[in-house]
């Protein structure tokens, strides 16, 4: 897997920076956001370093699909209420105008009673 030695999230994947892990497999790492915007707020990142969603290609299609299918499973495991009376949000910030702060593709998964900060 490609890594960027200067990337915050690559350092988290490598264990060089501590995190509160939610999930890990050979392709994906998920951890709690250090500044949660919702009662449940975690990040899902591919272990492969890709700066932005717009940098991903058809080669990454299966990985992105896996992440999207894993998001609800993890949200429910962490306490999100199921169904229409509950739910969760998945967001991917891309680039400066999209509000991206760390340039390693990541999904924000947020849930819990509203209102949230974001």
Protein backbone atom coordinates (compact mmCIF):
# COMPACT_ATOMS: atom_id res chain seq x y z
CA UNK A 1 0.00 0.00 0.00
CA UNK A 2 1.27 3.45 -0.83
CA UNK A 3 1.84 5.77 2.14
CA UNK A 4 2.86 9.42 2.44
CA UNK A 5 5.41 9.89 5.24
CA UNK A 6 4.10 13.43 5.89
CA UNK A 7 0.39 12.48 5.99
CA UNK A 8 -1.35 12.63 9.37
CA UNK A 9 -3.70 9.76 8.50
CA UNK A 10 -0.88 7.57 7.15
CA UNK A 11 0.86 8.08 10.50
CA UNK A 12 -2.32 7.04 12.33
CA UNK A 13 -2.59 3.88 10.19
CA UNK A 14 1.05 3.05 11.01
CA UNK A 15 0.45 3.58 14.75
CA UNK A 16 2.85 6.54 14.91
CA UNK A 17 0.01 8.76 16.13
CA UNK A 18 -2.49 7.30 18.60
CA UNK A 19 -6.16 6.98 17.72
CA UNK A 20 -9.26 5.37 19.19
CA UNK A 21 -9.73 2.59 16.65
CA UNK A 22 -13.21 1.54 15.55
CA UNK A 23 -12.29 -0.97 12.83
CA UNK A 24 -9.36 -2.26 10.82
CA UNK A 25 -8.81 -4.73 8.01
CA UNK A 26 -6.24 -5.05 5.23
CA UNK A 27 -7.68 -2.06 3.27
CA UNK A 28 -9.55 0.18 5.72
CA UNK A 29 -8.91 1.85 9.05
CA UNK A 30 -11.66 3.59 11.05
CA UNK A 31 -11.26 5.68 14.18
CA UNK A 32 -13.16 8.19 16.31
CA UNK A 33 -12.87 11.84 15.29
CA UNK A 34 -10.89 13.86 17.85
CA UNK A 35 -13.28 16.81 17.41
CA UNK A 36 -16.69 15.10 17.03
CA UNK A 37 -19.46 17.09 15.41
CA UNK A 38 -22.11 14.54 16.46
CA UNK A 39 -22.61 12.13 19.37
CA UNK A 40 -21.23 9.39 17.10
CA UNK A 41 -18.52 10.62 14.73
CA UNK A 42 -15.81 8.46 13.24
CA UNK A 43 -13.60 8.56 10.17
CA UNK A 44 -13.05 5.76 7.67
CA UNK A 45 -9.86 5.91 5.63
CA UNK A 46 -8.33 3.64 3.04
CA UNK A 47 -4.89 2.38 4.01
CA UNK A 48 -3.81 3.32 0.50
CA UNK A 49 -2.84 6.99 0.45
CA UNK A 50 -4.97 8.96 -2.00
CA UNK A 51 -5.15 12.72 -1.35
CA UNK A 52 -8.73 13.43 -2.49
CA UNK A 53 -11.85 11.65 -3.67
CA UNK A 54 -11.33 13.26 -7.08
CA UNK A 55 -7.94 11.48 -7.29
CA UNK A 56 -9.52 8.04 -7.03
CA UNK A 57 -9.94 5.98 -10.19
CA UNK A 58 -11.88 2.96 -11.42
CA UNK A 59 -9.22 0.85 -9.69
CA UNK A 60 -10.58 2.18 -6.37
CA UNK A 61 -14.23 1.39 -7.13
CA UNK A 62 -14.34 -1.80 -5.04
CA UNK A 63 -12.61 -0.12 -2.09
CA UNK A 64 -15.06 2.80 -2.13
CA UNK A 65 -17.99 0.40 -2.33
CA UNK A 66 -16.63 -1.58 0.60
CA UNK A 67 -16.29 1.60 2.65
CA UNK A 68 -19.85 2.70 1.86
CA UNK A 69 -21.26 -0.70 2.85
CA UNK A 70 -19.18 -0.81 6.03
CA UNK A 71 -20.26 2.67 7.18
CA UNK A 72 -23.82 1.71 8.26
CA UNK A 73 -22.63 -1.48 9.95
CA UNK A 74 -20.09 0.43 12.06
CA UNK A 75 -22.53 3.29 12.75
CA UNK A 76 -25.08 0.82 14.14
CA UNK A 77 -22.42 -0.98 16.18
CA UNK A 78 -21.47 2.35 17.76
CA UNK A 79 -25.06 3.14 18.72
CA UNK A 80 -26.76 4.82 15.76
CA UNK A 81 -30.50 4.26 15.84
CA UNK A 82 -31.67 2.12 12.89
CA UNK A 83 -34.29 3.00 10.32
CA UNK A 84 -36.07 6.20 9.43
CA UNK A 85 -36.34 7.43 13.02
CA UNK A 86 -32.57 7.13 13.43
CA UNK A 87 -29.95 7.05 10.74
CA UNK A 88 -26.54 8.51 10.07
CA UNK A 89 -24.67 10.83 7.70
CA UNK A 90 -21.71 10.00 5.49
CA UNK A 91 -19.73 12.90 4.07
CA UNK A 92 -16.52 13.23 2.06
CA UNK A 93 -14.92 16.66 2.00
CA UNK A 94 -12.86 17.19 -1.15
CA UNK A 95 -10.46 20.08 -1.73
CA UNK A 96 -10.34 23.52 -0.18
CA UNK A 97 -13.84 24.51 -1.34
CA UNK A 98 -15.17 21.20 -0.02
CA UNK A 99 -13.73 21.84 3.44
CA UNK A 100 -11.04 19.14 3.31
CA UNK A 101 -8.45 19.61 6.06
CA UNK A 102 -6.41 16.40 5.81
CA UNK A 103 -5.38 15.38 2.30
CA UNK A 104 -6.01 11.65 2.58
CA UNK A 105 -9.43 10.45 1.40
CA UNK A 106 -11.71 9.96 4.40
CA UNK A 107 -15.38 9.45 5.09
CA UNK A 108 -16.95 11.19 8.07
CA UNK A 109 -19.70 9.01 9.55
CA UNK A 110 -21.95 10.87 12.00
CA UNK A 111 -25.01 9.79 13.95
CA UNK A 112 -26.92 10.34 17.15
CA UNK A 113 -29.70 12.65 18.29
CA UNK A 114 -29.71 16.03 16.56
CA UNK A 115 -28.93 18.90 16.47
CA UNK A 116 -25.29 18.47 15.51
CA UNK A 117 -22.69 21.14 15.10
CA UNK A 118 -22.46 20.49 11.34
